């Protein structure tokens, strides 16, 4: 059995969220991300356009 570890980042700063705006976050969620080169090989989640319901829920939570 393989165990996967998931890292959750610290909470986003409210001032940062508001300064970037909803459109910026929406574009970020859909953008292609590079794999991190750190020791943990972390990677950011990328949401495909077909899963826009997920992105809408995230944006509704943030804004």
PDB file of N, CA and C in Angstrom:
ATOM      1  N   UNK A   1       0.838  -1.183   0.000  1.00  0.00           N
ATOM      2  CA  UNK A   1       0.000   0.000   0.000  1.00  0.00           C
ATOM      3  C   UNK A   1       0.882   1.246   0.000  1.00  0.00           C
ATOM      4  N   UNK A   2       0.574   2.168  -0.888  1.00  0.00           N
ATOM      5  CA  UNK A   2       1.336   3.398  -1.010  1.00  0.00           C
ATOM      6  C   UNK A   2       0.649   4.501  -0.223  1.00  0.00           C
ATOM      7  N   UNK A   3       1.430   5.212   0.563  1.00  0.00           N
ATOM      8  CA  UNK A   3       0.912   6.342   1.322  1.00  0.00           C
ATOM      9  C   UNK A   3       1.329   7.628   0.644  1.00  0.00           C
ATOM     10  N   UNK A   4       0.377   8.497   0.413  1.00  0.00           N
ATOM     11  CA  UNK A   4       0.677   9.807  -0.178  1.00  0.00           C
ATOM     12  C   UNK A   4       0.589  10.871   0.901  1.00  0.00           C
ATOM     13  N   UNK A   5       1.522  11.763   0.867  1.00  0.00           N
ATOM     14  CA  UNK A   5       1.513  12.885   1.800  1.00  0.00           C
ATOM     15  C   UNK A   5       1.107  14.134   1.054  1.00  0.00           C
ATOM     16  N   UNK A   6       0.220  14.894   1.634  1.00  0.00           N
ATOM     17  CA  UNK A   6      -0.226  16.143   1.038  1.00  0.00           C
ATOM     18  C   UNK A   6       0.156  17.284   1.957  1.00  0.00           C
ATOM     19  N   UNK A   7       0.702  18.316   1.374  1.00  0.00           N
ATOM     20  CA  UNK A   7       1.049  19.509   2.129  1.00  0.00           C
ATOM     21  C   UNK A   7       0.005  20.570   1.891  1.00  0.00           C
ATOM     22  N   UNK A   8      -0.384  21.228   2.919  1.00  0.00           N
ATOM     23  CA  UNK A   8      -1.301  22.352   2.788  1.00  0.00           C
ATOM     24  C   UNK A   8      -0.524  23.596   3.192  1.00  0.00           C
ATOM     25  N   UNK A   9      -0.551  24.562   2.336  1.00  0.00           N
ATOM     26  CA  UNK A   9       0.191  25.800   2.576  1.00  0.00           C
ATOM     27  C   UNK A   9      -0.482  26.629   3.662  1.00  0.00           C
ATOM     28  N   UNK A  10       0.233  27.601   4.186  1.00  0.00           N
ATOM     29  CA  UNK A  10      -0.378  28.510   5.164  1.00  0.00           C
ATOM     30  C   UNK A  10      -1.538  29.272   4.531  1.00  0.00           C
ATOM     31  N   UNK A  11      -2.406  29.747   5.348  1.00  0.00           N
ATOM     32  CA  UNK A  11      -3.563  30.509   4.865  1.00  0.00           C
ATOM     33  C   UNK A  11      -3.098  31.722   4.073  1.00  0.00           C
ATOM     34  N   UNK A  12      -3.844  32.036   3.033  1.00  0.00           N
ATOM     35  CA  UNK A  12      -3.534  33.225   2.240  1.00  0.00           C
ATOM     36  C   UNK A  12      -3.857  34.481   3.040  1.00  0.00           C
ATOM     37  N   UNK A  13      -2.962  35.433   2.976  1.00  0.00           N
ATOM     38  CA  UNK A  13      -3.165  36.710   3.633  1.00  0.00           C
ATOM     39  C   UNK A  13      -4.327  37.444   2.958  1.00  0.00           C
ATOM     40  N   UNK A  14      -5.277  37.910   3.734  1.00  0.00           N
ATOM     41  CA  UNK A  14      -6.460  38.574   3.169  1.00  0.00           C
ATOM     42  C   UNK A  14      -6.095  39.804   2.341  1.00  0.00           C
ATOM     43  N   UNK A  15      -5.087  40.550   2.773  1.00  0.00           N
ATOM     44  CA  UNK A  15      -4.659  41.731   2.015  1.00  0.00           C
ATOM     45  C   UNK A  15      -4.097  41.316   0.660  1.00  0.00           C
ATOM     46  N   UNK A  16      -3.344  40.212   0.632  1.00  0.00           N
ATOM     47  CA  UNK A  16      -2.793  39.710  -0.623  1.00  0.00           C
ATOM     48  C   UNK A  16      -3.913  39.301  -1.568  1.00  0.00           C
ATOM     49  N   UNK A  17      -4.899  38.569  -1.047  1.00  0.00           N
ATOM     50  CA  UNK A  17      -6.027  38.104  -1.863  1.00  0.00           C
ATOM     51  C   UNK A  17      -6.758  39.295  -2.475  1.00  0.00           C
ATOM     52  N   UNK A  18      -7.076  40.267  -1.657  1.00  0.00           N
ATOM     53  CA  UNK A  18      -7.807  41.441  -2.148  1.00  0.00           C
ATOM     54  C   UNK A  18      -6.970  42.261  -3.132  1.00  0.00           C
ATOM     55  N   UNK A  19      -5.640  42.321  -2.921  1.00  0.00           N
ATOM     56  CA  UNK A  19      -4.799  43.113  -3.826  1.00  0.00           C
ATOM     57  C   UNK A  19      -4.698  42.484  -5.216  1.00  0.00           C
ATOM     58  N   UNK A  20      -4.767  41.173  -5.299  1.00  0.00           N
ATOM     59  CA  UNK A  20      -4.671  40.489  -6.596  1.00  0.00           C
ATOM     60  C   UNK A  20      -6.002  40.500  -7.337  1.00  0.00           C
ATOM     61  N   UNK A  21      -7.087  40.296  -6.627  1.00  0.00           N
ATOM     62  CA  UNK A  21      -8.404  40.326  -7.245  1.00  0.00           C
ATOM     63  C   UNK A  21      -8.866  38.976  -7.780  1.00  0.00           C
ATOM     64  N   UNK A  22     -10.147  38.897  -8.018  1.00  0.00           N
ATOM     65  CA  UNK A  22     -10.795  37.655  -8.426  1.00  0.00           C
ATOM     66  C   UNK A  22     -10.303  37.150  -9.789  1.00  0.00           C
ATOM     67  N   UNK A  23     -10.149  38.037 -10.754  1.00  0.00           N
ATOM     68  CA  UNK A  23      -9.730  37.620 -12.102  1.00  0.00           C
ATOM     69  C   UNK A  23      -8.315  37.039 -12.063  1.00  0.00           C
ATOM     70  N   UNK A  24      -7.418  37.649 -11.289  1.00  0.00           N
ATOM     71  CA  UNK A  24      -6.060  37.146 -11.174  1.00  0.00           C
ATOM     72  C   UNK A  24      -6.064  35.727 -10.614  1.00  0.00           C
ATOM     73  N   UNK A  25      -6.844  35.502  -9.539  1.00  0.00           N
ATOM     74  CA  UNK A  25      -6.906  34.166  -8.933  1.00  0.00           C
ATOM     75  C   UNK A  25      -7.519  33.144  -9.881  1.00  0.00           C
ATOM     76  N   UNK A  26      -8.535  33.529 -10.618  1.00  0.00           N
ATOM     77  CA  UNK A  26      -9.145  32.613 -11.576  1.00  0.00           C
ATOM     78  C   UNK A  26      -8.122  32.201 -12.636  1.00  0.00           C
ATOM     79  N   UNK A  27      -7.390  33.168 -13.164  1.00  0.00           N
ATOM     80  CA  UNK A  27      -6.345  32.858 -14.144  1.00  0.00           C
ATOM     81  C   UNK A  27      -5.261  31.976 -13.540  1.00  0.00           C
ATOM     82  N   UNK A  28      -4.900  32.221 -12.298  1.00  0.00           N
ATOM     83  CA  UNK A  28      -3.884  31.427 -11.618  1.00  0.00           C
ATOM     84  C   UNK A  28      -4.344  29.979 -11.449  1.00  0.00           C
ATOM     85  N   UNK A  29      -5.595  29.780 -11.079  1.00  0.00           N
ATOM     86  CA  UNK A  29      -6.104  28.424 -10.884  1.00  0.00           C
ATOM     87  C   UNK A  29      -6.031  27.600 -12.162  1.00  0.00           C
ATOM     88  N   UNK A  30      -6.258  28.237 -13.293  1.00  0.00           N
ATOM     89  CA  UNK A  30      -6.253  27.532 -14.568  1.00  0.00           C
ATOM     90  C   UNK A  30      -4.870  27.471 -15.226  1.00  0.00           C
ATOM     91  N   UNK A  31      -3.910  28.231 -14.727  1.00  0.00           N
ATOM     92  CA  UNK A  31      -2.605  28.290 -15.381  1.00  0.00           C
ATOM     93  C   UNK A  31      -1.800  27.005 -15.152  1.00  0.00           C
ATOM     94  N   UNK A  32      -0.940  26.715 -16.112  1.00  0.00           N
ATOM     95  CA  UNK A  32      -0.069  25.558 -15.994  1.00  0.00           C
ATOM     96  C   UNK A  32       1.068  25.909 -15.047  1.00  0.00           C
ATOM     97  N   UNK A  33       1.383  25.009 -14.147  1.00  0.00           N
ATOM     98  CA  UNK A  33       2.393  25.273 -13.132  1.00  0.00           C
ATOM     99  C   UNK A  33       3.585  24.337 -13.332  1.00  0.00           C
ATOM    100  N   UNK A  34       4.754  24.814 -12.966  1.00  0.00           N
ATOM    101  CA  UNK A  34       5.946  23.993 -13.041  1.00  0.00           C
ATOM    102  C   UNK A  34       6.098  23.183 -11.760  1.00  0.00           C
ATOM    103  N   UNK A  35       6.765  22.051 -11.866  1.00  0.00           N
ATOM    104  CA  UNK A  35       7.046  21.227 -10.691  1.00  0.00           C
ATOM    105  C   UNK A  35       8.158  21.913  -9.902  1.00  0.00           C
ATOM    106  N   UNK A  36       7.983  21.959  -8.608  1.00  0.00           N
ATOM    107  CA  UNK A  36       8.961  22.579  -7.734  1.00  0.00           C
ATOM    108  C   UNK A  36      10.248  21.748  -7.733  1.00  0.00           C
ATOM    109  N   UNK A  37      11.348  22.411  -7.561  1.00  0.00           N
ATOM    110  CA  UNK A  37      12.639  21.712  -7.496  1.00  0.00           C
ATOM    111  C   UNK A  37      13.145  21.613  -6.055  1.00  0.00           C
ATOM    112  N   UNK A  38      12.259  21.808  -5.095  1.00  0.00           N
ATOM    113  CA  UNK A  38      12.701  21.715  -3.707  1.00  0.00           C
ATOM    114  C   UNK A  38      12.824  20.255  -3.281  1.00  0.00           C
ATOM    115  N   UNK A  39      13.301  20.043  -2.081  1.00  0.00           N
ATOM    116  CA  UNK A  39      13.559  18.682  -1.613  1.00  0.00           C
ATOM    117  C   UNK A  39      12.290  17.836  -1.484  1.00  0.00           C
ATOM    118  N   UNK A  40      11.114  18.462  -1.377  1.00  0.00           N
ATOM    119  CA  UNK A  40       9.874  17.720  -1.200  1.00  0.00           C
ATOM    120  C   UNK A  40       9.138  17.460  -2.509  1.00  0.00           C
ATOM    121  N   UNK A  41       9.637  18.037  -3.611  1.00  0.00           N
ATOM    122  CA  UNK A  41       9.001  17.895  -4.920  1.00  0.00           C
ATOM    123  C   UNK A  41       7.510  18.262  -4.858  1.00  0.00           C
ATOM    124  N   UNK A  42       7.223  19.393  -4.240  1.00  0.00           N
ATOM    125  CA  UNK A  42       5.847  19.861  -4.132  1.00  0.00           C
ATOM    126  C   UNK A  42       5.384  20.418  -5.468  1.00  0.00           C
ATOM    127  N   UNK A  43       4.094  20.410  -5.681  1.00  0.00           N
ATOM    128  CA  UNK A  43       3.560  20.992  -6.916  1.00  0.00           C
ATOM    129  C   UNK A  43       2.219  21.648  -6.601  1.00  0.00           C
ATOM    130  N   UNK A  44       1.939  22.709  -7.321  1.00  0.00           N
ATOM    131  CA  UNK A  44       0.674  23.418  -7.158  1.00  0.00           C
ATOM    132  C   UNK A  44      -0.415  22.706  -7.950  1.00  0.00           C
ATOM    133  N   UNK A  45      -1.595  22.779  -7.444  1.00  0.00           N
ATOM    134  CA  UNK A  45      -2.732  22.184  -8.131  1.00  0.00           C
ATOM    135  C   UNK A  45      -3.111  23.028  -9.337  1.00  0.00           C
ATOM    136  N   UNK A  46      -3.411  22.351 -10.422  1.00  0.00           N
ATOM    137  CA  UNK A  46      -3.904  23.013 -11.628  1.00  0.00           C
ATOM    138  C   UNK A  46      -5.300  22.495 -11.888  1.00  0.00           C
ATOM    139  N   UNK A  47      -6.229  23.379 -12.091  1.00  0.00           N
ATOM    140  CA  UNK A  47      -7.616  23.001 -12.339  1.00  0.00           C
ATOM    141  C   UNK A  47      -7.895  23.147 -13.821  1.00  0.00           C
ATOM    142  N   UNK A  48      -8.430  22.084 -14.414  1.00  0.00           N
ATOM    143  CA  UNK A  48      -8.741  22.165 -15.839  1.00  0.00           C
ATOM    144  C   UNK A  48     -10.031  22.957 -16.034  1.00  0.00           C
ATOM    145  N   UNK A  49     -10.188  23.536 -17.209  1.00  0.00           N
ATOM    146  CA  UNK A  49     -11.369  24.363 -17.508  1.00  0.00           C
ATOM    147  C   UNK A  49     -12.670  23.584 -17.310  1.00  0.00           C
ATOM    148  N   UNK A  50     -12.639  22.277 -17.583  1.00  0.00           N
ATOM    149  CA  UNK A  50     -13.863  21.495 -17.439  1.00  0.00           C
ATOM    150  C   UNK A  50     -14.308  21.358 -15.991  1.00  0.00           C
ATOM    151  N   UNK A  51     -13.389  21.582 -15.048  1.00  0.00           N
ATOM    152  CA  UNK A  51     -13.723  21.501 -13.632  1.00  0.00           C
ATOM    153  C   UNK A  51     -13.971  22.879 -13.029  1.00  0.00           C
ATOM    154  N   UNK A  52     -14.547  23.764 -13.801  1.00  0.00           N
ATOM    155  CA  UNK A  52     -14.704  25.139 -13.341  1.00  0.00           C
ATOM    156  C   UNK A  52     -15.576  25.262 -12.094  1.00  0.00           C
ATOM    157  N   UNK A  53     -16.387  24.264 -11.791  1.00  0.00           N
ATOM    158  CA  UNK A  53     -17.194  24.300 -10.569  1.00  0.00           C
ATOM    159  C   UNK A  53     -16.275  24.346  -9.339  1.00  0.00           C
ATOM    160  N   UNK A  54     -15.156  23.638  -9.409  1.00  0.00           N
ATOM    161  CA  UNK A  54     -14.187  23.655  -8.314  1.00  0.00           C
ATOM    162  C   UNK A  54     -13.599  25.059  -8.170  1.00  0.00           C
ATOM    163  N   UNK A  55     -13.184  25.636  -9.297  1.00  0.00           N
ATOM    164  CA  UNK A  55     -12.623  26.982  -9.266  1.00  0.00           C
ATOM    165  C   UNK A  55     -13.650  27.984  -8.744  1.00  0.00           C
ATOM    166  N   UNK A  56     -14.886  27.852  -9.164  1.00  0.00           N
ATOM    167  CA  UNK A  56     -15.940  28.756  -8.693  1.00  0.00           C
ATOM    168  C   UNK A  56     -16.124  28.668  -7.186  1.00  0.00           C
ATOM    169  N   UNK A  57     -16.033  27.461  -6.627  1.00  0.00           N
ATOM    170  CA  UNK A  57     -16.163  27.298  -5.172  1.00  0.00           C
ATOM    171  C   UNK A  57     -14.989  27.942  -4.439  1.00  0.00           C
ATOM    172  N   UNK A  58     -13.790  27.780  -4.988  1.00  0.00           N
ATOM    173  CA  UNK A  58     -12.613  28.403  -4.373  1.00  0.00           C
ATOM    174  C   UNK A  58     -12.744  29.921  -4.413  1.00  0.00           C
ATOM    175  N   UNK A  59     -13.129  30.451  -5.569  1.00  0.00           N
ATOM    176  CA  UNK A  59     -13.277  31.900  -5.700  1.00  0.00           C
ATOM    177  C   UNK A  59     -14.394  32.439  -4.819  1.00  0.00           C
ATOM    178  N   UNK A  60     -15.482  31.682  -4.698  1.00  0.00           N
ATOM    179  CA  UNK A  60     -16.579  32.115  -3.822  1.00  0.00           C
ATOM    180  C   UNK A  60     -16.103  32.171  -2.372  1.00  0.00           C
ATOM    181  N   UNK A  61     -15.273  31.216  -1.993  1.00  0.00           N
ATOM    182  CA  UNK A  61     -14.733  31.205  -0.626  1.00  0.00           C
ATOM    183  C   UNK A  61     -13.813  32.407  -0.398  1.00  0.00           C
ATOM    184  N   UNK A  62     -12.961  32.710  -1.378  1.00  0.00           N
ATOM    185  CA  UNK A  62     -12.010  33.807  -1.224  1.00  0.00           C
ATOM    186  C   UNK A  62     -12.641  35.184  -1.322  1.00  0.00           C
ATOM    187  N   UNK A  63     -13.690  35.311  -2.173  1.00  0.00           N
ATOM    188  CA  UNK A  63     -14.278  36.619  -2.399  1.00  0.00           C
ATOM    189  C   UNK A  63     -15.727  36.626  -1.973  1.00  0.00           C
TER     190      UNK A  63
END
